[in-house]
Amino acid sequence: MKKAIIFDMDGTLFQTNLILEPALTATFDVLRAKSLWQGDTPIETYREIMGVPLPVVWETLCPEHSLEVRKESNALFHTKLIEQIRHGKGALYPNAEQILATLVEDYNLYIVSNGQIEYLQAIVETYQLDRFIKGTYSIQSISSGHKSHLVRKVIEENNIQHGAVVGDRASDIQAAQDNYLLAVGIRFDFAQECELQKANVVIDDLKELPTVLN
């Protein structure tokens, strides 16, 4: 039986909160310079919706802007995020590397994320996650933009018969349940209690993960 654990990236393995504010501020500085934005950078709004598909992010942050401006803003934002990652401004969560090293002995490990391919690759390369991770899947690889469908793709391509999805937001929990996998919620920076309540189990530290999988 092929067993697998599918991890979300932002707010689950990677501390996106460390690079979010400077990257988003730099993006909105450009919008302000072009007279396309007034007021503060909507950091808290982004925190609340962290984990939703990128088109929804920019529809929410910039509801009055054109699709072209949203696309340009998203591209700039990701450039700034990647710069932060490459310059060592981010970090994995405590115990992430240790737990991945432990779990890979018994499970195939994958990353499934709403993040863009280049962004995810920057994290994987910077922290050498390919030592543990068999595959990294971006929402860009499917047309529906639905995380449940992306998890289904991972299952089908890798003949997974048993496993879990580990994540901090509703889309992760729903993706697990839609695909008959264990839904492990993790109470980190972007997690919301109302969403975590729907998980099969909730943990506060990655080091707890091996115990809830048994």
N, C-alpha and C. Protein backbone atom coordinates (compact mmCIF):
# COMPACT_ATOMS: atom_id res chain seq x y z
N MET A 1 0.84 -1.20 0.00
CA MET A 1 0.00 0.00 0.00
C MET A 1 0.87 1.25 0.00
N LYS A 2 0.63 2.14 -0.96
CA LYS A 2 1.40 3.38 -1.03
C LYS A 2 0.79 4.41 -0.07
N LYS A 3 1.59 4.83 0.89
CA LYS A 3 1.15 5.83 1.88
C LYS A 3 1.82 7.16 1.57
N ALA A 4 1.06 8.22 1.75
CA ALA A 4 1.61 9.54 1.43
C ALA A 4 1.09 10.59 2.40
N ILE A 5 1.89 11.62 2.58
CA ILE A 5 1.45 12.81 3.29
C ILE A 5 1.61 13.99 2.34
N ILE A 6 0.54 14.73 2.19
CA ILE A 6 0.52 15.88 1.29
C ILE A 6 0.48 17.15 2.15
N PHE A 7 1.49 17.97 2.00
CA PHE A 7 1.61 19.19 2.80
C PHE A 7 1.21 20.43 2.00
N ASP A 8 0.48 21.31 2.64
CA ASP A 8 0.39 22.67 2.16
C ASP A 8 1.75 23.33 2.41
N MET A 9 2.03 24.43 1.73
CA MET A 9 3.31 25.11 1.92
C MET A 9 3.19 26.33 2.83
N ASP A 10 2.44 27.35 2.39
CA ASP A 10 2.36 28.60 3.14
C ASP A 10 1.60 28.42 4.45
N GLY A 11 2.23 28.77 5.54
CA GLY A 11 1.57 28.66 6.83
C GLY A 11 1.52 27.25 7.37
N THR A 12 2.20 26.32 6.70
CA THR A 12 2.24 24.93 7.15
C THR A 12 3.68 24.45 7.28
N LEU A 13 4.44 24.53 6.21
CA LEU A 13 5.87 24.23 6.26
C LEU A 13 6.71 25.50 6.29
N PHE A 14 6.25 26.50 5.56
CA PHE A 14 7.04 27.73 5.39
C PHE A 14 6.37 28.90 6.09
N GLN A 15 7.17 29.67 6.84
CA GLN A 15 6.66 30.83 7.58
C GLN A 15 6.51 32.04 6.65
N THR A 16 5.48 32.00 5.86
CA THR A 16 5.23 33.06 4.90
C THR A 16 5.06 34.42 5.57
N ASN A 17 4.59 34.41 6.81
CA ASN A 17 4.38 35.68 7.52
C ASN A 17 5.66 36.51 7.62
N LEU A 18 6.83 35.85 7.56
CA LEU A 18 8.10 36.57 7.69
C LEU A 18 8.42 37.42 6.45
N ILE A 19 7.89 37.02 5.31
CA ILE A 19 8.20 37.75 4.07
C ILE A 19 6.98 38.44 3.48
N LEU A 20 5.83 38.17 4.04
CA LEU A 20 4.58 38.70 3.46
C LEU A 20 4.53 40.22 3.49
N GLU A 21 4.77 40.81 4.64
CA GLU A 21 4.60 42.26 4.78
C GLU A 21 5.56 43.05 3.89
N PRO A 22 6.88 42.74 3.90
CA PRO A 22 7.76 43.53 3.02
C PRO A 22 7.45 43.37 1.54
N ALA A 23 7.07 42.15 1.12
CA ALA A 23 6.76 41.93 -0.30
C ALA A 23 5.47 42.63 -0.70
N LEU A 24 4.47 42.55 0.17
CA LEU A 24 3.19 43.20 -0.16
C LEU A 24 3.32 44.72 -0.10
N THR A 25 4.08 45.21 0.87
CA THR A 25 4.29 46.65 0.97
C THR A 25 5.00 47.19 -0.27
N ALA A 26 6.02 46.48 -0.73
CA ALA A 26 6.74 46.90 -1.93
C ALA A 26 5.81 46.93 -3.15
N THR A 27 4.90 45.98 -3.22
CA THR A 27 3.94 45.93 -4.33
C THR A 27 2.99 47.12 -4.28
N PHE A 28 2.47 47.41 -3.10
CA PHE A 28 1.52 48.51 -2.98
C PHE A 28 2.22 49.87 -3.03
N ASP A 29 3.51 49.91 -2.75
CA ASP A 29 4.27 51.15 -2.96
C ASP A 29 4.25 51.53 -4.44
N VAL A 30 4.36 50.51 -5.30
CA VAL A 30 4.31 50.75 -6.75
C VAL A 30 2.92 51.24 -7.15
N LEU A 31 1.88 50.62 -6.60
CA LEU A 31 0.52 51.05 -6.91
C LEU A 31 0.29 52.49 -6.44
N ARG A 32 0.83 52.81 -5.25
CA ARG A 32 0.69 54.18 -4.76
C ARG A 32 1.42 55.17 -5.67
N ALA A 33 2.60 54.77 -6.12
CA ALA A 33 3.39 55.65 -7.00
C ALA A 33 2.68 55.91 -8.32
N LYS A 34 1.86 54.96 -8.74
CA LYS A 34 1.10 55.10 -9.99
C LYS A 34 -0.29 55.70 -9.76
N SER A 35 -0.53 56.12 -8.50
CA SER A 35 -1.83 56.69 -8.11
C SER A 35 -2.97 55.68 -8.28
N LEU A 36 -2.63 54.40 -8.10
CA LEU A 36 -3.63 53.34 -8.20
C LEU A 36 -4.06 52.84 -6.82
N TRP A 37 -3.48 53.41 -5.78
CA TRP A 37 -3.85 53.00 -4.42
C TRP A 37 -3.62 54.16 -3.47
N GLN A 38 -4.55 54.30 -2.54
CA GLN A 38 -4.41 55.28 -1.47
C GLN A 38 -4.58 54.57 -0.13
N GLY A 39 -3.85 55.03 0.86
CA GLY A 39 -3.99 54.43 2.18
C GLY A 39 -2.98 53.35 2.45
N ASP A 40 -3.21 52.62 3.54
CA ASP A 40 -2.27 51.61 4.00
C ASP A 40 -2.29 50.36 3.13
N THR A 41 -1.21 49.61 3.20
CA THR A 41 -1.14 48.30 2.53
C THR A 41 -2.07 47.34 3.27
N PRO A 42 -2.92 46.59 2.55
CA PRO A 42 -3.93 45.73 3.21
C PRO A 42 -3.35 44.40 3.72
N ILE A 43 -2.42 44.53 4.65
CA ILE A 43 -1.76 43.33 5.18
C ILE A 43 -2.76 42.40 5.87
N GLU A 44 -3.58 42.96 6.74
CA GLU A 44 -4.50 42.11 7.51
C GLU A 44 -5.54 41.43 6.62
N THR A 45 -5.98 42.13 5.60
CA THR A 45 -6.91 41.50 4.65
C THR A 45 -6.27 40.30 4.00
N TYR A 46 -5.00 40.44 3.62
CA TYR A 46 -4.30 39.31 3.00
C TYR A 46 -4.16 38.16 3.98
N ARG A 47 -3.84 38.47 5.23
CA ARG A 47 -3.69 37.41 6.23
C ARG A 47 -4.98 36.60 6.37
N GLU A 48 -6.09 37.29 6.32
CA GLU A 48 -7.39 36.64 6.50
C GLU A 48 -7.71 35.68 5.35
N ILE A 49 -7.26 36.00 4.15
CA ILE A 49 -7.61 35.19 2.98
C ILE A 49 -6.46 34.30 2.53
N MET A 50 -5.36 34.29 3.29
CA MET A 50 -4.19 33.50 2.91
C MET A 50 -4.59 32.07 2.59
N GLY A 51 -4.14 31.57 1.44
CA GLY A 51 -4.45 30.20 1.06
C GLY A 51 -5.50 30.08 -0.03
N VAL A 52 -6.19 31.18 -0.33
CA VAL A 52 -7.17 31.12 -1.43
C VAL A 52 -6.43 31.25 -2.75
N PRO A 53 -7.04 30.84 -3.87
CA PRO A 53 -6.38 30.97 -5.17
C PRO A 53 -6.00 32.42 -5.47
N LEU A 54 -4.92 32.61 -6.21
CA LEU A 54 -4.38 33.95 -6.45
C LEU A 54 -5.36 34.91 -7.12
N PRO A 55 -6.18 34.47 -8.09
CA PRO A 55 -7.15 35.42 -8.65
C PRO A 55 -8.08 35.99 -7.58
N VAL A 56 -8.45 35.15 -6.61
CA VAL A 56 -9.33 35.59 -5.53
C VAL A 56 -8.59 36.58 -4.63
N VAL A 57 -7.29 36.33 -4.41
CA VAL A 57 -6.48 37.25 -3.60
C VAL A 57 -6.57 38.66 -4.15
N TRP A 58 -6.31 38.80 -5.45
CA TRP A 58 -6.24 40.15 -6.03
C TRP A 58 -7.60 40.74 -6.29
N GLU A 59 -8.61 39.92 -6.49
CA GLU A 59 -9.98 40.43 -6.55
C GLU A 59 -10.37 41.03 -5.20
N THR A 60 -9.90 40.40 -4.13
CA THR A 60 -10.23 40.86 -2.78
C THR A 60 -9.43 42.10 -2.39
N LEU A 61 -8.12 42.08 -2.70
CA LEU A 61 -7.27 43.21 -2.32
C LEU A 61 -7.53 44.44 -3.17
N CYS A 62 -7.81 44.21 -4.45
CA CYS A 62 -7.96 45.33 -5.40
C CYS A 62 -9.27 45.20 -6.17
N PRO A 63 -10.41 45.27 -5.48
CA PRO A 63 -11.69 45.02 -6.15
C PRO A 63 -12.05 46.04 -7.23
N GLU A 64 -11.47 47.24 -7.14
CA GLU A 64 -11.82 48.29 -8.10
C GLU A 64 -10.85 48.35 -9.28
N HIS A 65 -9.84 47.52 -9.27
CA HIS A 65 -8.81 47.60 -10.30
C HIS A 65 -9.11 46.67 -11.47
N SER A 66 -8.51 46.96 -12.59
CA SER A 66 -8.70 46.14 -13.78
C SER A 66 -7.96 44.82 -13.64
N LEU A 67 -8.35 43.87 -14.48
CA LEU A 67 -7.69 42.57 -14.48
C LEU A 67 -6.20 42.72 -14.81
N GLU A 68 -5.89 43.63 -15.70
CA GLU A 68 -4.50 43.86 -16.08
C GLU A 68 -3.68 44.35 -14.89
N VAL A 69 -4.21 45.30 -14.15
CA VAL A 69 -3.50 45.81 -12.97
C VAL A 69 -3.33 44.72 -11.93
N ARG A 70 -4.35 43.90 -11.75
CA ARG A 70 -4.25 42.80 -10.79
C ARG A 70 -3.16 41.82 -11.20
N LYS A 71 -3.10 41.50 -12.49
CA LYS A 71 -2.08 40.57 -12.96
C LYS A 71 -0.68 41.15 -12.78
N GLU A 72 -0.53 42.43 -13.08
CA GLU A 72 0.77 43.08 -12.90
C GLU A 72 1.16 43.12 -11.42
N SER A 73 0.20 43.38 -10.57
CA SER A 73 0.46 43.43 -9.13
C SER A 73 0.86 42.06 -8.61
N ASN A 74 0.18 41.03 -9.07
CA ASN A 74 0.50 39.67 -8.66
C ASN A 74 1.91 39.28 -9.09
N ALA A 75 2.27 39.64 -10.32
CA ALA A 75 3.61 39.31 -10.83
C ALA A 75 4.69 40.02 -10.00
N LEU A 76 4.46 41.28 -9.70
CA LEU A 76 5.43 42.04 -8.90
C LEU A 76 5.53 41.47 -7.49
N PHE A 77 4.39 41.16 -6.92
CA PHE A 77 4.35 40.59 -5.58
C PHE A 77 5.18 39.31 -5.51
N HIS A 78 5.02 38.44 -6.50
CA HIS A 78 5.78 37.19 -6.49
C HIS A 78 7.27 37.42 -6.71
N THR A 79 7.61 38.40 -7.50
CA THR A 79 9.02 38.75 -7.66
C THR A 79 9.61 39.17 -6.31
N LYS A 80 8.88 39.97 -5.57
CA LYS A 80 9.34 40.44 -4.27
C LYS A 80 9.41 39.30 -3.25
N LEU A 81 8.43 38.39 -3.30
CA LEU A 81 8.46 37.23 -2.40
C LEU A 81 9.70 36.37 -2.66
N ILE A 82 9.96 36.11 -3.92
CA ILE A 82 11.09 35.27 -4.29
C ILE A 82 12.41 35.94 -3.88
N GLU A 83 12.50 37.25 -4.05
CA GLU A 83 13.69 37.98 -3.61
C GLU A 83 13.90 37.78 -2.10
N GLN A 84 12.83 37.89 -1.35
CA GLN A 84 12.92 37.71 0.10
C GLN A 84 13.40 36.30 0.45
N ILE A 85 12.87 35.31 -0.25
CA ILE A 85 13.26 33.92 0.00
C ILE A 85 14.73 33.70 -0.31
N ARG A 86 15.14 34.15 -1.49
CA ARG A 86 16.53 33.96 -1.93
C ARG A 86 17.52 34.68 -1.00
N HIS A 87 17.08 35.77 -0.37
CA HIS A 87 17.94 36.53 0.54
C HIS A 87 17.87 36.01 1.97
N GLY A 88 17.19 34.88 2.17
CA GLY A 88 17.17 34.25 3.48
C GLY A 88 16.27 34.91 4.50
N LYS A 89 15.26 35.64 4.04
CA LYS A 89 14.39 36.36 4.97
C LYS A 89 13.28 35.48 5.54
N GLY A 90 13.00 34.37 4.89
CA GLY A 90 11.95 33.48 5.37
C GLY A 90 12.53 32.39 6.26
N ALA A 91 11.69 31.42 6.60
CA ALA A 91 12.14 30.28 7.41
C ALA A 91 11.10 29.18 7.36
N LEU A 92 11.56 27.95 7.53
CA LEU A 92 10.63 26.86 7.77
C LEU A 92 10.12 26.97 9.20
N TYR A 93 8.99 26.35 9.47
CA TYR A 93 8.49 26.33 10.84
C TYR A 93 9.38 25.45 11.72
N PRO A 94 9.40 25.73 13.03
CA PRO A 94 10.18 24.88 13.94
C PRO A 94 9.82 23.41 13.77
N ASN A 95 10.84 22.57 13.76
CA ASN A 95 10.73 21.11 13.67
C ASN A 95 10.34 20.60 12.29
N ALA A 96 10.17 21.49 11.30
CA ALA A 96 9.74 21.04 9.98
C ALA A 96 10.75 20.09 9.35
N GLU A 97 12.01 20.49 9.32
CA GLU A 97 13.02 19.66 8.69
C GLU A 97 13.18 18.32 9.40
N GLN A 98 13.18 18.37 10.72
CA GLN A 98 13.31 17.14 11.51
C GLN A 98 12.16 16.17 11.24
N ILE A 99 10.94 16.70 11.19
CA ILE A 99 9.77 15.85 10.98
C ILE A 99 9.72 15.29 9.56
N LEU A 100 10.09 16.10 8.59
CA LEU A 100 10.14 15.60 7.22
C LEU A 100 11.14 14.46 7.10
N ALA A 101 12.29 14.62 7.75
CA ALA A 101 13.33 13.57 7.71
C ALA A 101 12.83 12.29 8.36
N THR A 102 12.01 12.42 9.39
CA THR A 102 11.45 11.24 10.07
C THR A 102 10.37 10.58 9.22
N LEU A 103 9.46 11.38 8.69
CA LEU A 103 8.31 10.84 7.97
C LEU A 103 8.69 10.20 6.65
N VAL A 104 9.73 10.71 6.00
CA VAL A 104 10.09 10.21 4.68
C VAL A 104 10.54 8.74 4.74
N GLU A 105 10.84 8.25 5.92
CA GLU A 105 11.23 6.85 6.06
C GLU A 105 10.04 5.92 5.83
N ASP A 106 8.82 6.42 6.09
CA ASP A 106 7.64 5.56 5.99
C ASP A 106 6.59 6.06 4.99
N TYR A 107 6.73 7.30 4.54
CA TYR A 107 5.72 7.90 3.66
C TYR A 107 6.38 8.57 2.45
N ASN A 108 5.65 8.62 1.35
CA ASN A 108 6.02 9.51 0.26
C ASN A 108 5.44 10.88 0.58
N LEU A 109 6.27 11.91 0.46
CA LEU A 109 5.86 13.25 0.85
C LEU A 109 5.71 14.14 -0.38
N TYR A 110 4.65 14.95 -0.38
CA TYR A 110 4.35 15.85 -1.49
C TYR A 110 3.95 17.22 -0.95
N ILE A 111 4.13 18.23 -1.77
CA ILE A 111 3.63 19.56 -1.47
C ILE A 111 2.56 19.91 -2.50
N VAL A 112 1.43 20.41 -2.01
CA VAL A 112 0.34 20.87 -2.87
C VAL A 112 -0.02 22.27 -2.40
N SER A 113 0.06 23.24 -3.31
CA SER A 113 -0.08 24.62 -2.88
C SER A 113 -0.80 25.47 -3.91
N ASN A 114 -1.47 26.52 -3.40
CA ASN A 114 -2.06 27.53 -4.27
C ASN A 114 -1.01 28.52 -4.76
N GLY A 115 0.22 28.38 -4.32
CA GLY A 115 1.31 29.25 -4.75
C GLY A 115 1.75 28.96 -6.18
N GLN A 116 2.42 29.94 -6.78
CA GLN A 116 2.89 29.77 -8.14
C GLN A 116 4.16 28.92 -8.18
N ILE A 117 4.41 28.33 -9.36
CA ILE A 117 5.49 27.36 -9.52
C ILE A 117 6.84 27.94 -9.13
N GLU A 118 7.17 29.13 -9.63
CA GLU A 118 8.49 29.72 -9.37
C GLU A 118 8.68 30.02 -7.88
N TYR A 119 7.63 30.46 -7.25
CA TYR A 119 7.66 30.75 -5.82
C TYR A 119 7.92 29.49 -5.01
N LEU A 120 7.18 28.44 -5.31
CA LEU A 120 7.36 27.17 -4.60
C LEU A 120 8.75 26.61 -4.83
N GLN A 121 9.22 26.71 -6.05
CA GLN A 121 10.55 26.20 -6.37
C GLN A 121 11.62 26.95 -5.60
N ALA A 122 11.44 28.25 -5.41
CA ALA A 122 12.41 29.04 -4.66
C ALA A 122 12.52 28.53 -3.22
N ILE A 123 11.38 28.18 -2.62
CA ILE A 123 11.41 27.64 -1.25
C ILE A 123 12.06 26.28 -1.23
N VAL A 124 11.66 25.41 -2.15
CA VAL A 124 12.22 24.05 -2.21
C VAL A 124 13.73 24.10 -2.38
N GLU A 125 14.21 24.95 -3.26
CA GLU A 125 15.65 25.03 -3.52
C GLU A 125 16.40 25.66 -2.34
N THR A 126 15.85 26.72 -1.78
CA THR A 126 16.53 27.43 -0.69
C THR A 126 16.70 26.53 0.53
N TYR A 127 15.69 25.72 0.82
CA TYR A 127 15.74 24.87 2.02
C TYR A 127 15.99 23.40 1.68
N GLN A 128 16.35 23.14 0.43
CA GLN A 128 16.71 21.79 -0.02
C GLN A 128 15.65 20.75 0.36
N LEU A 129 14.41 21.12 0.14
CA LEU A 129 13.31 20.24 0.52
C LEU A 129 13.20 19.01 -0.37
N ASP A 130 13.87 19.05 -1.53
CA ASP A 130 13.82 17.87 -2.39
C ASP A 130 14.55 16.68 -1.79
N ARG A 131 15.23 16.89 -0.67
CA ARG A 131 15.79 15.75 0.08
C ARG A 131 14.67 14.86 0.61
N PHE A 132 13.50 15.46 0.82
CA PHE A 132 12.38 14.75 1.45
C PHE A 132 11.16 14.64 0.54
N ILE A 133 10.95 15.65 -0.28
CA ILE A 133 9.70 15.78 -1.04
C ILE A 133 9.83 15.12 -2.42
N LYS A 134 8.88 14.23 -2.73
CA LYS A 134 8.92 13.54 -4.02
C LYS A 134 8.36 14.40 -5.15
N GLY A 135 7.48 15.33 -4.81
CA GLY A 135 6.91 16.17 -5.84
C GLY A 135 6.25 17.41 -5.27
N THR A 136 6.34 18.52 -6.01
CA THR A 136 5.71 19.77 -5.61
C THR A 136 4.71 20.17 -6.68
N TYR A 137 3.47 20.36 -6.28
CA TYR A 137 2.38 20.62 -7.21
C TYR A 137 1.78 22.01 -6.95
N SER A 138 1.77 22.82 -7.98
CA SER A 138 1.17 24.15 -7.92
C SER A 138 -0.23 24.13 -8.51
N ILE A 139 -1.07 25.00 -7.99
CA ILE A 139 -2.43 25.11 -8.51
C ILE A 139 -2.42 25.52 -9.98
N GLN A 140 -1.31 26.06 -10.45
CA GLN A 140 -1.20 26.44 -11.86
C GLN A 140 -1.26 25.23 -12.80
N SER A 141 -1.05 24.05 -12.24
CA SER A 141 -0.99 22.86 -13.10
C SER A 141 -2.36 22.29 -13.43
N ILE A 142 -3.42 22.87 -12.87
CA ILE A 142 -4.78 22.41 -13.21
C ILE A 142 -5.62 23.62 -13.61
N SER A 143 -6.64 23.37 -14.40
CA SER A 143 -7.45 24.47 -14.92
C SER A 143 -8.52 24.93 -13.94
N SER A 144 -8.97 24.06 -13.06
CA SER A 144 -10.11 24.40 -12.21
C SER A 144 -9.75 25.36 -11.08
N GLY A 145 -8.48 25.38 -10.68
CA GLY A 145 -8.08 26.22 -9.56
C GLY A 145 -8.58 25.74 -8.22
N HIS A 146 -9.00 24.48 -8.14
CA HIS A 146 -9.58 23.91 -6.92
C HIS A 146 -8.57 22.94 -6.29
N LYS A 147 -8.26 23.17 -5.03
CA LYS A 147 -7.22 22.37 -4.37
C LYS A 147 -7.60 20.90 -4.26
N SER A 148 -8.88 20.61 -4.12
CA SER A 148 -9.32 19.22 -4.08
C SER A 148 -8.96 18.49 -5.37
N HIS A 149 -9.07 19.18 -6.48
CA HIS A 149 -8.72 18.58 -7.78
C HIS A 149 -7.21 18.39 -7.89
N LEU A 150 -6.46 19.30 -7.30
CA LEU A 150 -5.00 19.17 -7.34
C LEU A 150 -4.54 17.99 -6.49
N VAL A 151 -5.15 17.80 -5.34
CA VAL A 151 -4.83 16.63 -4.52
C VAL A 151 -5.21 15.35 -5.24
N ARG A 152 -6.34 15.37 -5.93
CA ARG A 152 -6.75 14.20 -6.72
C ARG A 152 -5.72 13.87 -7.78
N LYS A 153 -5.15 14.89 -8.40
CA LYS A 153 -4.10 14.69 -9.40
C LYS A 153 -2.89 14.00 -8.78
N VAL A 154 -2.49 14.45 -7.60
CA VAL A 154 -1.35 13.83 -6.91
C VAL A 154 -1.64 12.36 -6.61
N ILE A 155 -2.83 12.10 -6.14
CA ILE A 155 -3.22 10.72 -5.81
C ILE A 155 -3.17 9.82 -7.04
N GLU A 156 -3.72 10.30 -8.13
CA GLU A 156 -3.80 9.48 -9.34
C GLU A 156 -2.43 9.28 -9.98
N GLU A 157 -1.62 10.34 -10.02
CA GLU A 157 -0.30 10.24 -10.66
C GLU A 157 0.66 9.36 -9.87
N ASN A 158 0.45 9.25 -8.56
CA ASN A 158 1.39 8.52 -7.72
C ASN A 158 0.80 7.27 -7.08
N ASN A 159 -0.42 6.92 -7.51
CA ASN A 159 -1.06 5.70 -7.05
C ASN A 159 -1.11 5.63 -5.52
N ILE A 160 -1.51 6.74 -4.91
CA ILE A 160 -1.60 6.81 -3.45
C ILE A 160 -2.88 6.12 -2.99
N GLN A 161 -2.74 5.27 -2.00
CA GLN A 161 -3.88 4.51 -1.51
C GLN A 161 -4.28 4.86 -0.08
N HIS A 162 -3.40 5.57 0.61
CA HIS A 162 -3.68 5.90 2.01
C HIS A 162 -2.83 7.10 2.39
N GLY A 163 -3.37 7.98 3.22
CA GLY A 163 -2.53 9.10 3.64
C GLY A 163 -3.29 10.24 4.27
N ALA A 164 -2.64 11.41 4.28
CA ALA A 164 -3.19 12.58 4.95
C ALA A 164 -2.82 13.84 4.19
N VAL A 165 -3.63 14.87 4.40
CA VAL A 165 -3.31 16.22 3.94
C VAL A 165 -3.10 17.07 5.19
N VAL A 166 -1.98 17.78 5.23
CA VAL A 166 -1.66 18.63 6.38
C VAL A 166 -1.68 20.07 5.92
N GLY A 167 -2.51 20.89 6.55
CA GLY A 167 -2.60 22.28 6.15
C GLY A 167 -3.29 23.13 7.20
N ASP A 168 -3.30 24.44 6.95
CA ASP A 168 -3.82 25.38 7.95
C ASP A 168 -5.15 26.02 7.58
N ARG A 169 -5.63 25.81 6.35
CA ARG A 169 -6.83 26.51 5.92
C ARG A 169 -7.91 25.54 5.44
N ALA A 170 -9.11 26.09 5.24
CA ALA A 170 -10.27 25.29 4.86
C ALA A 170 -10.05 24.51 3.58
N SER A 171 -9.34 25.11 2.63
CA SER A 171 -9.12 24.43 1.34
C SER A 171 -8.30 23.15 1.51
N ASP A 172 -7.38 23.14 2.48
CA ASP A 172 -6.59 21.94 2.74
C ASP A 172 -7.46 20.85 3.36
N ILE A 173 -8.26 21.24 4.32
CA ILE A 173 -9.13 20.29 5.01
C ILE A 173 -10.16 19.71 4.04
N GLN A 174 -10.73 20.58 3.22
CA GLN A 174 -11.71 20.13 2.23
C GLN A 174 -11.06 19.20 1.20
N ALA A 175 -9.85 19.52 0.79
CA ALA A 175 -9.15 18.68 -0.19
C ALA A 175 -8.91 17.29 0.36
N ALA A 176 -8.57 17.20 1.63
CA ALA A 176 -8.38 15.89 2.27
C ALA A 176 -9.69 15.10 2.28
N GLN A 177 -10.73 15.73 2.73
CA GLN A 177 -12.00 15.03 2.88
C GLN A 177 -12.63 14.66 1.54
N ASP A 178 -12.47 15.52 0.55
CA ASP A 178 -13.00 15.21 -0.78
C ASP A 178 -12.30 14.00 -1.39
N ASN A 179 -11.08 13.75 -0.94
CA ASN A 179 -10.29 12.64 -1.49
C ASN A 179 -10.09 11.49 -0.50
N TYR A 180 -10.89 11.49 0.56
CA TYR A 180 -10.91 10.40 1.53
C TYR A 180 -9.55 10.18 2.20
N LEU A 181 -8.89 11.29 2.50
CA LEU A 181 -7.64 11.25 3.25
C LEU A 181 -7.86 11.88 4.61
N LEU A 182 -6.97 11.60 5.55
CA LEU A 182 -7.04 12.20 6.87
C LEU A 182 -6.76 13.70 6.76
N ALA A 183 -7.61 14.51 7.35
CA ALA A 183 -7.44 15.97 7.33
C ALA A 183 -6.79 16.41 8.63
N VAL A 184 -5.52 16.83 8.53
CA VAL A 184 -4.78 17.29 9.70
C VAL A 184 -4.66 18.81 9.62
N GLY A 185 -5.34 19.49 10.52
CA GLY A 185 -5.24 20.94 10.59
C GLY A 185 -4.08 21.35 11.47
N ILE A 186 -3.42 22.43 11.11
CA ILE A 186 -2.29 22.90 11.90
C ILE A 186 -2.51 24.35 12.31
N ARG A 187 -2.38 24.60 13.60
CA ARG A 187 -2.74 25.90 14.18
C ARG A 187 -1.54 26.83 14.18
N PHE A 188 -1.24 27.36 12.97
CA PHE A 188 -0.14 28.30 12.82
C PHE A 188 -0.69 29.69 12.47
N ASP A 189 0.12 30.52 11.88
CA ASP A 189 -0.14 31.96 11.75
C ASP A 189 -1.45 32.34 11.06
N PHE A 190 -1.80 31.63 9.98
CA PHE A 190 -2.95 32.04 9.18
C PHE A 190 -4.20 31.20 9.48
N ALA A 191 -4.07 30.24 10.38
CA ALA A 191 -5.18 29.34 10.68
C ALA A 191 -6.33 30.08 11.34
N GLN A 192 -7.54 29.63 11.07
CA GLN A 192 -8.73 30.18 11.69
C GLN A 192 -9.51 29.05 12.35
N GLU A 193 -9.87 29.27 13.60
CA GLU A 193 -10.48 28.20 14.40
C GLU A 193 -11.74 27.63 13.76
N CYS A 194 -12.54 28.49 13.13
CA CYS A 194 -13.77 28.00 12.52
C CYS A 194 -13.50 27.03 11.38
N GLU A 195 -12.35 27.18 10.73
CA GLU A 195 -11.97 26.27 9.66
C GLU A 195 -11.34 25.00 10.22
N LEU A 196 -10.52 25.14 11.26
CA LEU A 196 -9.85 23.98 11.86
C LEU A 196 -10.83 23.00 12.48
N GLN A 197 -11.98 23.48 12.89
CA GLN A 197 -12.97 22.61 13.52
C GLN A 197 -13.42 21.47 12.60
N LYS A 198 -13.25 21.67 11.30
CA LYS A 198 -13.70 20.65 10.35
C LYS A 198 -12.64 19.58 10.08
N ALA A 199 -11.44 19.76 10.62
CA ALA A 199 -10.37 18.77 10.42
C ALA A 199 -10.62 17.53 11.28
N ASN A 200 -10.03 16.41 10.88
CA ASN A 200 -10.12 15.19 11.68
C ASN A 200 -9.32 15.32 12.96
N VAL A 201 -8.20 16.02 12.87
CA VAL A 201 -7.34 16.24 14.02
C VAL A 201 -6.61 17.56 13.83
N VAL A 202 -6.31 18.24 14.92
CA VAL A 202 -5.61 19.53 14.87
C VAL A 202 -4.36 19.45 15.73
N ILE A 203 -3.23 19.95 15.20
CA ILE A 203 -1.98 19.96 15.94
C ILE A 203 -1.46 21.40 16.04
N ASP A 204 -0.62 21.63 17.06
CA ASP A 204 -0.05 22.95 17.29
C ASP A 204 1.43 23.02 16.93
N ASP A 205 2.02 21.88 16.64
CA ASP A 205 3.44 21.81 16.33
C ASP A 205 3.65 20.63 15.38
N LEU A 206 4.51 20.81 14.40
CA LEU A 206 4.76 19.72 13.44
C LEU A 206 5.29 18.46 14.10
N LYS A 207 5.94 18.60 15.25
CA LYS A 207 6.50 17.43 15.92
C LYS A 207 5.40 16.48 16.42
N GLU A 208 4.14 16.97 16.48
CA GLU A 208 3.01 16.14 16.88
C GLU A 208 2.53 15.24 15.75
N LEU A 209 2.94 15.53 14.53
CA LEU A 209 2.38 14.86 13.36
C LEU A 209 2.53 13.35 13.37
N PRO A 210 3.71 12.81 13.67
CA PRO A 210 3.85 11.34 13.65
C PRO A 210 2.87 10.63 14.58
N THR A 211 2.52 11.24 15.70
CA THR A 211 1.65 10.58 16.66
C THR A 211 0.20 10.52 16.18
N VAL A 212 -0.24 11.52 15.41
CA VAL A 212 -1.63 11.51 14.96
C VAL A 212 -1.82 10.67 13.70
N LEU A 213 -0.72 10.30 13.07
CA LEU A 213 -0.82 9.48 11.86
C LEU A 213 -0.93 8.00 12.20
N ASN A 214 -0.54 7.62 13.41
CA ASN A 214 -0.55 6.20 13.80
C ASN A 214 -1.93 5.74 14.21
